[in-house]
């Protein structure tokens, strides 16, 4: 990707990570996120959730809203440069939603 679009690439990676996190199944009863597994025994393999397009859209909307909240906070604390960058990212996310 061209250098001028590196911030867009970074945002896309963050959006993909948010979707990936949403696909993680909940822990089973009695299971902890810190449970240890033996290497290659298959005990750590779990099927990912399959999100509908509406669920993916909800993840993207939540990310967009978080960027809007962060932009407002950056404006409030006197960081207009960061607020502008977050607003620009919000517009990019909106492009994927519409």
PDB file of N, CA and C in Angstrom:
ATOM      1  N   UNK A   1       0.844  -1.163   0.000  1.00  0.00           N
ATOM      2  CA  UNK A   1       0.000   0.000   0.000  1.00  0.00           C
ATOM      3  C   UNK A   1       0.893   1.231   0.000  1.00  0.00           C
ATOM      4  N   UNK A   2       0.485   2.250  -0.702  1.00  0.00           N
ATOM      5  CA  UNK A   2       1.301   3.458  -0.781  1.00  0.00           C
ATOM      6  C   UNK A   2       1.429   4.094   0.594  1.00  0.00           C
ATOM      7  N   UNK A   3       2.506   4.847   0.759  1.00  0.00           N
ATOM      8  CA  UNK A   3       2.797   5.449   2.051  1.00  0.00           C
ATOM      9  C   UNK A   3       1.653   6.329   2.549  1.00  0.00           C
ATOM     10  N   UNK A   4       1.003   7.059   1.665  1.00  0.00           N
ATOM     11  CA  UNK A   4      -0.091   7.937   2.052  1.00  0.00           C
ATOM     12  C   UNK A   4      -1.302   7.201   2.582  1.00  0.00           C
ATOM     13  N   UNK A   5      -1.367   5.910   2.349  1.00  0.00           N
ATOM     14  CA  UNK A   5      -2.517   5.125   2.798  1.00  0.00           C
ATOM     15  C   UNK A   5      -2.161   4.211   3.962  1.00  0.00           C
ATOM     16  N   UNK A   6      -1.013   4.442   4.583  1.00  0.00           N
ATOM     17  CA  UNK A   6      -0.607   3.566   5.687  1.00  0.00           C
ATOM     18  C   UNK A   6      -1.559   3.675   6.871  1.00  0.00           C
ATOM     19  N   UNK A   7      -2.120   4.860   7.107  1.00  0.00           N
ATOM     20  CA  UNK A   7      -3.072   4.987   8.214  1.00  0.00           C
ATOM     21  C   UNK A   7      -4.349   4.212   7.912  1.00  0.00           C
ATOM     22  N   UNK A   8      -4.729   4.164   6.626  1.00  0.00           N
ATOM     23  CA  UNK A   8      -5.904   3.377   6.244  1.00  0.00           C
ATOM     24  C   UNK A   8      -5.627   1.883   6.430  1.00  0.00           C
ATOM     25  N   UNK A   9      -4.434   1.451   6.071  1.00  0.00           N
ATOM     26  CA  UNK A   9      -4.065   0.042   6.253  1.00  0.00           C
ATOM     27  C   UNK A   9      -4.069  -0.321   7.737  1.00  0.00           C
ATOM     28  N   UNK A  10      -3.570   0.579   8.567  1.00  0.00           N
ATOM     29  CA  UNK A  10      -3.554   0.349  10.014  1.00  0.00           C
ATOM     30  C   UNK A  10      -4.983   0.223  10.545  1.00  0.00           C
ATOM     31  N   UNK A  11      -5.871   1.086  10.070  1.00  0.00           N
ATOM     32  CA  UNK A  11      -7.268   1.028  10.493  1.00  0.00           C
ATOM     33  C   UNK A  11      -7.917  -0.280  10.049  1.00  0.00           C
ATOM     34  N   UNK A  12      -7.666  -0.692   8.819  1.00  0.00           N
ATOM     35  CA  UNK A  12      -8.246  -1.943   8.318  1.00  0.00           C
ATOM     36  C   UNK A  12      -7.775  -3.124   9.157  1.00  0.00           C
ATOM     37  N   UNK A  13      -6.489  -3.130   9.523  1.00  0.00           N
ATOM     38  CA  UNK A  13      -5.986  -4.209  10.385  1.00  0.00           C
ATOM     39  C   UNK A  13      -6.711  -4.209  11.734  1.00  0.00           C
ATOM     40  N   UNK A  14      -6.966  -3.023  12.280  1.00  0.00           N
ATOM     41  CA  UNK A  14      -7.681  -2.929  13.558  1.00  0.00           C
ATOM     42  C   UNK A  14      -9.126  -3.410  13.418  1.00  0.00           C
ATOM     43  N   UNK A  15      -9.763  -3.095  12.292  1.00  0.00           N
ATOM     44  CA  UNK A  15     -11.141  -3.546  12.069  1.00  0.00           C
ATOM     45  C   UNK A  15     -11.200  -5.061  11.915  1.00  0.00           C
ATOM     46  N   UNK A  16     -10.242  -5.620  11.196  1.00  0.00           N
ATOM     47  CA  UNK A  16     -10.186  -7.081  11.036  1.00  0.00           C
ATOM     48  C   UNK A  16      -9.970  -7.741  12.400  1.00  0.00           C
ATOM     49  N   UNK A  17      -9.129  -7.143  13.233  1.00  0.00           N
ATOM     50  CA  UNK A  17      -8.895  -7.689  14.575  1.00  0.00           C
ATOM     51  C   UNK A  17     -10.172  -7.635  15.411  1.00  0.00           C
ATOM     52  N   UNK A  18     -10.939  -6.555  15.289  1.00  0.00           N
ATOM     53  CA  UNK A  18     -12.197  -6.443  16.036  1.00  0.00           C
ATOM     54  C   UNK A  18     -13.181  -7.523  15.594  1.00  0.00           C
ATOM     55  N   UNK A  19     -13.246  -7.768  14.293  1.00  0.00           N
ATOM     56  CA  UNK A  19     -14.124  -8.823  13.778  1.00  0.00           C
ATOM     57  C   UNK A  19     -13.632 -10.188  14.257  1.00  0.00           C
ATOM     58  N   UNK A  20     -12.322 -10.389  14.206  1.00  0.00           N
ATOM     59  CA  UNK A  20     -11.740 -11.654  14.665  1.00  0.00           C
ATOM     60  C   UNK A  20     -12.064 -11.891  16.141  1.00  0.00           C
ATOM     61  N   UNK A  21     -11.962 -10.846  16.952  1.00  0.00           N
ATOM     62  CA  UNK A  21     -12.299 -10.975  18.374  1.00  0.00           C
ATOM     63  C   UNK A  21     -13.769 -11.331  18.566  1.00  0.00           C
ATOM     64  N   UNK A  22     -14.636 -10.755  17.736  1.00  0.00           N
ATOM     65  CA  UNK A  22     -16.069 -11.052  17.843  1.00  0.00           C
ATOM     66  C   UNK A  22     -16.372 -12.498  17.462  1.00  0.00           C
ATOM     67  N   UNK A  23     -15.507 -13.105  16.667  1.00  0.00           N
ATOM     68  CA  UNK A  23     -15.696 -14.499  16.253  1.00  0.00           C
ATOM     69  C   UNK A  23     -15.206 -15.498  17.294  1.00  0.00           C
ATOM     70  N   UNK A  24     -14.562 -15.009  18.338  1.00  0.00           N
ATOM     71  CA  UNK A  24     -14.060 -15.911  19.381  1.00  0.00           C
ATOM     72  C   UNK A  24     -15.235 -16.452  20.187  1.00  0.00           C
ATOM     73  N   UNK A  25     -15.301 -17.759  20.360  1.00  0.00           N
ATOM     74  CA  UNK A  25     -16.412 -18.331  21.134  1.00  0.00           C
ATOM     75  C   UNK A  25     -16.236 -18.025  22.618  1.00  0.00           C
ATOM     76  N   UNK A  26     -17.334 -17.994  23.361  1.00  0.00           N
ATOM     77  CA  UNK A  26     -17.211 -17.778  24.805  1.00  0.00           C
ATOM     78  C   UNK A  26     -16.519 -18.975  25.455  1.00  0.00           C
ATOM     79  N   UNK A  27     -15.936 -18.738  26.606  1.00  0.00           N
ATOM     80  CA  UNK A  27     -15.294 -19.832  27.337  1.00  0.00           C
ATOM     81  C   UNK A  27     -16.340 -20.844  27.774  1.00  0.00           C
ATOM     82  N   UNK A  28     -15.954 -22.106  27.745  1.00  0.00           N
ATOM     83  CA  UNK A  28     -16.844 -23.164  28.227  1.00  0.00           C
ATOM     84  C   UNK A  28     -16.867 -23.157  29.753  1.00  0.00           C
ATOM     85  N   UNK A  29     -17.894 -23.751  30.323  1.00  0.00           N
ATOM     86  CA  UNK A  29     -18.037 -23.810  31.781  1.00  0.00           C
ATOM     87  C   UNK A  29     -16.776 -24.414  32.401  1.00  0.00           C
ATOM     88  N   UNK A  30     -16.254 -23.747  33.400  1.00  0.00           N
ATOM     89  CA  UNK A  30     -15.080 -24.239  34.104  1.00  0.00           C
ATOM     90  C   UNK A  30     -13.764 -23.951  33.406  1.00  0.00           C
ATOM     91  N   UNK A  31     -13.811 -23.329  32.259  1.00  0.00           N
ATOM     92  CA  UNK A  31     -12.600 -23.041  31.488  1.00  0.00           C
ATOM     93  C   UNK A  31     -12.140 -21.615  31.792  1.00  0.00           C
ATOM     94  N   UNK A  32     -10.835 -21.435  31.805  1.00  0.00           N
ATOM     95  CA  UNK A  32     -10.260 -20.104  32.002  1.00  0.00           C
ATOM     96  C   UNK A  32      -9.446 -19.743  30.772  1.00  0.00           C
ATOM     97  N   UNK A  33      -9.340 -18.463  30.512  1.00  0.00           N
ATOM     98  CA  UNK A  33      -8.572 -18.010  29.354  1.00  0.00           C
ATOM     99  C   UNK A  33      -7.093 -18.332  29.509  1.00  0.00           C
ATOM    100  N   UNK A  34      -6.653 -18.566  30.731  1.00  0.00           N
ATOM    101  CA  UNK A  34      -5.235 -18.820  30.983  1.00  0.00           C
ATOM    102  C   UNK A  34      -4.910 -20.302  31.107  1.00  0.00           C
ATOM    103  N   UNK A  35      -5.867 -21.187  30.790  1.00  0.00           N
ATOM    104  CA  UNK A  35      -5.593 -22.626  30.854  1.00  0.00           C
ATOM    105  C   UNK A  35      -4.423 -22.980  29.939  1.00  0.00           C
ATOM    106  N   UNK A  36      -3.584 -23.882  30.402  1.00  0.00           N
ATOM    107  CA  UNK A  36      -2.426 -24.326  29.627  1.00  0.00           C
ATOM    108  C   UNK A  36      -2.801 -25.527  28.765  1.00  0.00           C
ATOM    109  N   UNK A  37      -2.246 -25.592  27.582  1.00  0.00           N
ATOM    110  CA  UNK A  37      -2.491 -26.709  26.673  1.00  0.00           C
ATOM    111  C   UNK A  37      -1.150 -27.272  26.215  1.00  0.00           C
ATOM    112  N   UNK A  38      -1.129 -28.551  26.000  1.00  0.00           N
ATOM    113  CA  UNK A  38       0.087 -29.182  25.489  1.00  0.00           C
ATOM    114  C   UNK A  38       0.209 -28.879  24.010  1.00  0.00           C
ATOM    115  N   UNK A  39       1.413 -28.679  23.573  1.00  0.00           N
ATOM    116  CA  UNK A  39       1.673 -28.360  22.177  1.00  0.00           C
ATOM    117  C   UNK A  39       1.227 -29.505  21.275  1.00  0.00           C
ATOM    118  N   UNK A  40       0.457 -29.193  20.258  1.00  0.00           N
ATOM    119  CA  UNK A  40      -0.022 -30.131  19.234  1.00  0.00           C
ATOM    120  C   UNK A  40      -0.982 -31.203  19.738  1.00  0.00           C
ATOM    121  N   UNK A  41      -1.598 -31.029  20.907  1.00  0.00           N
ATOM    122  CA  UNK A  41      -2.548 -32.061  21.333  1.00  0.00           C
ATOM    123  C   UNK A  41      -3.978 -31.748  20.887  1.00  0.00           C
ATOM    124  N   UNK A  42      -4.183 -30.586  20.261  1.00  0.00           N
ATOM    125  CA  UNK A  42      -5.493 -30.239  19.732  1.00  0.00           C
ATOM    126  C   UNK A  42      -6.483 -29.736  20.765  1.00  0.00           C
ATOM    127  N   UNK A  43      -6.093 -29.708  22.022  1.00  0.00           N
ATOM    128  CA  UNK A  43      -7.038 -29.307  23.065  1.00  0.00           C
ATOM    129  C   UNK A  43      -7.360 -27.818  23.035  1.00  0.00           C
ATOM    130  N   UNK A  44      -6.537 -27.040  22.382  1.00  0.00           N
ATOM    131  CA  UNK A  44      -6.780 -25.598  22.317  1.00  0.00           C
ATOM    132  C   UNK A  44      -7.591 -25.213  21.086  1.00  0.00           C
ATOM    133  N   UNK A  45      -7.884 -26.181  20.229  1.00  0.00           N
ATOM    134  CA  UNK A  45      -8.617 -25.893  19.001  1.00  0.00           C
ATOM    135  C   UNK A  45     -10.112 -25.800  19.275  1.00  0.00           C
ATOM    136  N   UNK A  46     -10.685 -24.675  18.935  1.00  0.00           N
ATOM    137  CA  UNK A  46     -12.130 -24.490  19.058  1.00  0.00           C
ATOM    138  C   UNK A  46     -12.640 -23.861  17.771  1.00  0.00           C
ATOM    139  N   UNK A  47     -13.853 -24.201  17.427  1.00  0.00           N
ATOM    140  CA  UNK A  47     -14.444 -23.648  16.218  1.00  0.00           C
ATOM    141  C   UNK A  47     -14.822 -22.189  16.466  1.00  0.00           C
ATOM    142  N   UNK A  48     -14.475 -21.337  15.518  1.00  0.00           N
ATOM    143  CA  UNK A  48     -14.807 -19.919  15.614  1.00  0.00           C
ATOM    144  C   UNK A  48     -16.292 -19.733  15.345  1.00  0.00           C
ATOM    145  N   UNK A  49     -16.850 -18.663  15.874  1.00  0.00           N
ATOM    146  CA  UNK A  49     -18.231 -18.323  15.579  1.00  0.00           C
ATOM    147  C   UNK A  49     -18.311 -17.806  14.150  1.00  0.00           C
ATOM    148  N   UNK A  50     -19.410 -18.037  13.513  1.00  0.00           N
ATOM    149  CA  UNK A  50     -19.631 -17.544  12.159  1.00  0.00           C
ATOM    150  C   UNK A  50     -20.584 -16.358  12.256  1.00  0.00           C
ATOM    151  N   UNK A  51     -20.072 -15.160  11.999  1.00  0.00           N
ATOM    152  CA  UNK A  51     -20.878 -13.951  12.137  1.00  0.00           C
ATOM    153  C   UNK A  51     -21.724 -13.714  10.895  1.00  0.00           C
ATOM    154  N   UNK A  52     -22.924 -13.212  11.121  1.00  0.00           N
ATOM    155  CA  UNK A  52     -23.767 -12.798  10.004  1.00  0.00           C
ATOM    156  C   UNK A  52     -23.296 -11.424   9.536  1.00  0.00           C
ATOM    157  N   UNK A  53     -23.772 -10.997   8.392  1.00  0.00           N
ATOM    158  CA  UNK A  53     -23.392  -9.665   7.909  1.00  0.00           C
ATOM    159  C   UNK A  53     -23.890  -8.587   8.869  1.00  0.00           C
ATOM    160  N   UNK A  54     -25.034  -8.808   9.501  1.00  0.00           N
ATOM    161  CA  UNK A  54     -25.549  -7.842  10.475  1.00  0.00           C
ATOM    162  C   UNK A  54     -24.636  -7.765  11.701  1.00  0.00           C
ATOM    163  N   UNK A  55     -24.087  -8.901  12.124  1.00  0.00           N
ATOM    164  CA  UNK A  55     -23.175  -8.906  13.269  1.00  0.00           C
ATOM    165  C   UNK A  55     -21.855  -8.223  12.922  1.00  0.00           C
ATOM    166  N   UNK A  56     -21.352  -8.452  11.725  1.00  0.00           N
ATOM    167  CA  UNK A  56     -20.121  -7.778  11.292  1.00  0.00           C
ATOM    168  C   UNK A  56     -20.367  -6.276  11.238  1.00  0.00           C
ATOM    169  N   UNK A  57     -21.512  -5.884  10.702  1.00  0.00           N
ATOM    170  CA  UNK A  57     -21.860  -4.465  10.631  1.00  0.00           C
ATOM    171  C   UNK A  57     -21.919  -3.869  12.036  1.00  0.00           C
ATOM    172  N   UNK A  58     -22.489  -4.602  12.998  1.00  0.00           N
ATOM    173  CA  UNK A  58     -22.575  -4.121  14.379  1.00  0.00           C
ATOM    174  C   UNK A  58     -21.185  -3.916  14.979  1.00  0.00           C
ATOM    175  N   UNK A  59     -20.253  -4.801  14.670  1.00  0.00           N
ATOM    176  CA  UNK A  59     -18.872  -4.647  15.142  1.00  0.00           C
ATOM    177  C   UNK A  59     -18.272  -3.369  14.560  1.00  0.00           C
ATOM    178  N   UNK A  60     -18.473  -3.148  13.266  1.00  0.00           N
ATOM    179  CA  UNK A  60     -17.928  -1.957  12.614  1.00  0.00           C
ATOM    180  C   UNK A  60     -18.567  -0.679  13.158  1.00  0.00           C
ATOM    181  N   UNK A  61     -19.875  -0.716  13.399  1.00  0.00           N
ATOM    182  CA  UNK A  61     -20.559   0.449  13.977  1.00  0.00           C
ATOM    183  C   UNK A  61     -19.998   0.745  15.367  1.00  0.00           C
ATOM    184  N   UNK A  62     -19.786  -0.286  16.168  1.00  0.00           N
ATOM    185  CA  UNK A  62     -19.219  -0.094  17.507  1.00  0.00           C
ATOM    186  C   UNK A  62     -17.824   0.518  17.429  1.00  0.00           C
ATOM    187  N   UNK A  63     -17.013   0.056  16.483  1.00  0.00           N
ATOM    188  CA  UNK A  63     -15.672   0.625  16.304  1.00  0.00           C
ATOM    189  C   UNK A  63     -15.762   2.088  15.887  1.00  0.00           C
ATOM    190  N   UNK A  64     -16.690   2.397  14.987  1.00  0.00           N
ATOM    191  CA  UNK A  64     -16.870   3.770  14.528  1.00  0.00           C
ATOM    192  C   UNK A  64     -17.300   4.666  15.694  1.00  0.00           C
ATOM    193  N   UNK A  65     -18.227   4.192  16.504  1.00  0.00           N
ATOM    194  CA  UNK A  65     -18.682   4.968  17.655  1.00  0.00           C
ATOM    195  C   UNK A  65     -17.556   5.187  18.660  1.00  0.00           C
ATOM    196  N   UNK A  66     -16.721   4.184  18.842  1.00  0.00           N
ATOM    197  CA  UNK A  66     -15.573   4.332  19.745  1.00  0.00           C
ATOM    198  C   UNK A  66     -14.610   5.392  19.215  1.00  0.00           C
ATOM    199  N   UNK A  67     -14.388   5.411  17.908  1.00  0.00           N
ATOM    200  CA  UNK A  67     -13.532   6.440  17.309  1.00  0.00           C
ATOM    201  C   UNK A  67     -14.144   7.829  17.499  1.00  0.00           C
ATOM    202  N   UNK A  68     -15.463   7.939  17.368  1.00  0.00           N
ATOM    203  CA  UNK A  68     -16.133   9.229  17.572  1.00  0.00           C
ATOM    204  C   UNK A  68     -15.977   9.697  19.012  1.00  0.00           C
ATOM    205  N   UNK A  69     -16.144   8.775  19.971  1.00  0.00           N
ATOM    206  CA  UNK A  69     -15.962   9.135  21.385  1.00  0.00           C
ATOM    207  C   UNK A  69     -14.523   9.565  21.652  1.00  0.00           C
ATOM    208  N   UNK A  70     -13.579   8.831  21.092  1.00  0.00           N
ATOM    209  CA  UNK A  70     -12.163   9.168  21.292  1.00  0.00           C
ATOM    210  C   UNK A  70     -11.833  10.517  20.665  1.00  0.00           C
ATOM    211  N   UNK A  71     -12.403  10.810  19.496  1.00  0.00           N
ATOM    212  CA  UNK A  71     -12.164  12.104  18.843  1.00  0.00           C
ATOM    213  C   UNK A  71     -12.698  13.241  19.709  1.00  0.00           C
ATOM    214  N   UNK A  72     -13.878  13.052  20.281  1.00  0.00           N
ATOM    215  CA  UNK A  72     -14.450  14.074  21.164  1.00  0.00           C
ATOM    216  C   UNK A  72     -13.558  14.290  22.381  1.00  0.00           C
ATOM    217  N   UNK A  73     -13.038  13.199  22.933  1.00  0.00           N
ATOM    218  CA  UNK A  73     -12.147  13.302  24.094  1.00  0.00           C
ATOM    219  C   UNK A  73     -10.851  14.024  23.725  1.00  0.00           C
ATOM    220  N   UNK A  74     -10.296  13.714  22.569  1.00  0.00           N
ATOM    221  CA  UNK A  74      -9.067  14.380  22.134  1.00  0.00           C
ATOM    222  C   UNK A  74      -9.299  15.877  21.928  1.00  0.00           C
ATOM    223  N   UNK A  75     -10.446  16.245  21.397  1.00  0.00           N
ATOM    224  CA  UNK A  75     -10.790  17.669  21.255  1.00  0.00           C
ATOM    225  C   UNK A  75     -10.886  18.317  22.627  1.00  0.00           C
ATOM    226  N   UNK A  76     -11.513  17.604  23.555  1.00  0.00           N
ATOM    227  CA  UNK A  76     -11.707  18.138  24.902  1.00  0.00           C
ATOM    228  C   UNK A  76     -10.378  18.398  25.609  1.00  0.00           C
ATOM    229  N   UNK A  77      -9.392  17.533  25.387  1.00  0.00           N
ATOM    230  CA  UNK A  77      -8.109  17.688  26.089  1.00  0.00           C
ATOM    231  C   UNK A  77      -7.087  18.490  25.286  1.00  0.00           C
ATOM    232  N   UNK A  78      -7.543  19.127  24.206  1.00  0.00           N
ATOM    233  CA  UNK A  78      -6.653  20.010  23.458  1.00  0.00           C
ATOM    234  C   UNK A  78      -5.729  19.317  22.478  1.00  0.00           C
ATOM    235  N   UNK A  79      -6.160  18.192  21.922  1.00  0.00           N
ATOM    236  CA  UNK A  79      -5.368  17.485  20.910  1.00  0.00           C
ATOM    237  C   UNK A  79      -6.117  17.464  19.577  1.00  0.00           C
ATOM    238  N   UNK A  80      -6.272  18.645  18.949  1.00  0.00           N
ATOM    239  CA  UNK A  80      -7.042  18.701  17.702  1.00  0.00           C
ATOM    240  C   UNK A  80      -6.428  17.861  16.586  1.00  0.00           C
ATOM    241  N   UNK A  81      -5.114  17.702  16.586  1.00  0.00           N
ATOM    242  CA  UNK A  81      -4.464  16.883  15.557  1.00  0.00           C
ATOM    243  C   UNK A  81      -4.920  15.429  15.652  1.00  0.00           C
ATOM    244  N   UNK A  82      -4.954  14.916  16.859  1.00  0.00           N
ATOM    245  CA  UNK A  82      -5.391  13.526  17.061  1.00  0.00           C
ATOM    246  C   UNK A  82      -6.895  13.390  16.812  1.00  0.00           C
ATOM    247  N   UNK A  83      -7.654  14.413  17.225  1.00  0.00           N
ATOM    248  CA  UNK A  83      -9.101  14.402  16.983  1.00  0.00           C
ATOM    249  C   UNK A  83      -9.390  14.369  15.487  1.00  0.00           C
ATOM    250  N   UNK A  84      -8.650  15.155  14.714  1.00  0.00           N
ATOM    251  CA  UNK A  84      -8.841  15.165  13.256  1.00  0.00           C
ATOM    252  C   UNK A  84      -8.529  13.800  12.651  1.00  0.00           C
ATOM    253  N   UNK A  85      -7.466  13.171  13.125  1.00  0.00           N
ATOM    254  CA  UNK A  85      -7.098  11.844  12.614  1.00  0.00           C
ATOM    255  C   UNK A  85      -8.191  10.820  12.942  1.00  0.00           C
ATOM    256  N   UNK A  86      -8.734  10.894  14.138  1.00  0.00           N
ATOM    257  CA  UNK A  86      -9.802   9.970  14.533  1.00  0.00           C
ATOM    258  C   UNK A  86     -11.079  10.224  13.739  1.00  0.00           C
ATOM    259  N   UNK A  87     -11.369  11.490  13.462  1.00  0.00           N
ATOM    260  CA  UNK A  87     -12.536  11.811  12.620  1.00  0.00           C
ATOM    261  C   UNK A  87     -12.343  11.235  11.217  1.00  0.00           C
ATOM    262  N   UNK A  88     -11.135  11.345  10.688  1.00  0.00           N
ATOM    263  CA  UNK A  88     -10.849  10.791   9.358  1.00  0.00           C
ATOM    264  C   UNK A  88     -11.031   9.275   9.365  1.00  0.00           C
ATOM    265  N   UNK A  89     -10.593   8.618  10.423  1.00  0.00           N
ATOM    266  CA  UNK A  89     -10.769   7.169  10.532  1.00  0.00           C
ATOM    267  C   UNK A  89     -12.253   6.812  10.619  1.00  0.00           C
ATOM    268  N   UNK A  90     -13.021   7.637  11.321  1.00  0.00           N
ATOM    269  CA  UNK A  90     -14.465   7.408  11.417  1.00  0.00           C
ATOM    270  C   UNK A  90     -15.101   7.427  10.033  1.00  0.00           C
ATOM    271  N   UNK A  91     -14.678   8.361   9.195  1.00  0.00           N
ATOM    272  CA  UNK A  91     -15.211   8.439   7.830  1.00  0.00           C
ATOM    273  C   UNK A  91     -14.844   7.196   7.025  1.00  0.00           C
ATOM    274  N   UNK A  92     -13.637   6.685   7.237  1.00  0.00           N
ATOM    275  CA  UNK A  92     -13.232   5.463   6.538  1.00  0.00           C
ATOM    276  C   UNK A  92     -14.078   4.268   6.977  1.00  0.00           C
ATOM    277  N   UNK A  93     -14.317   4.155   8.276  1.00  0.00           N
ATOM    278  CA  UNK A  93     -15.141   3.050   8.771  1.00  0.00           C
ATOM    279  C   UNK A  93     -16.548   3.169   8.186  1.00  0.00           C
ATOM    280  N   UNK A  94     -17.073   4.383   8.156  1.00  0.00           N
ATOM    281  CA  UNK A  94     -18.418   4.609   7.618  1.00  0.00           C
ATOM    282  C   UNK A  94     -18.509   4.129   6.170  1.00  0.00           C
ATOM    283  N   UNK A  95     -17.415   4.279   5.430  1.00  0.00           N
ATOM    284  CA  UNK A  95     -17.381   3.831   4.037  1.00  0.00           C
ATOM    285  C   UNK A  95     -17.617   2.325   3.931  1.00  0.00           C
ATOM    286  N   UNK A  96     -17.119   1.570   4.900  1.00  0.00           N
ATOM    287  CA  UNK A  96     -17.283   0.119   4.871  1.00  0.00           C
ATOM    288  C   UNK A  96     -18.662  -0.308   5.362  1.00  0.00           C
ATOM    289  N   UNK A  97     -19.324   0.556   6.106  1.00  0.00           N
ATOM    290  CA  UNK A  97     -20.639   0.227   6.644  1.00  0.00           C
ATOM    291  C   UNK A  97     -21.734   0.486   5.614  1.00  0.00           C
ATOM    292  N   UNK A  98     -21.586   1.558   4.871  1.00  0.00           N
ATOM    293  CA  UNK A  98     -22.650   1.958   3.931  1.00  0.00           C
ATOM    294  C   UNK A  98     -22.595   1.219   2.630  1.00  0.00           C
TER     295      UNK A  98
END
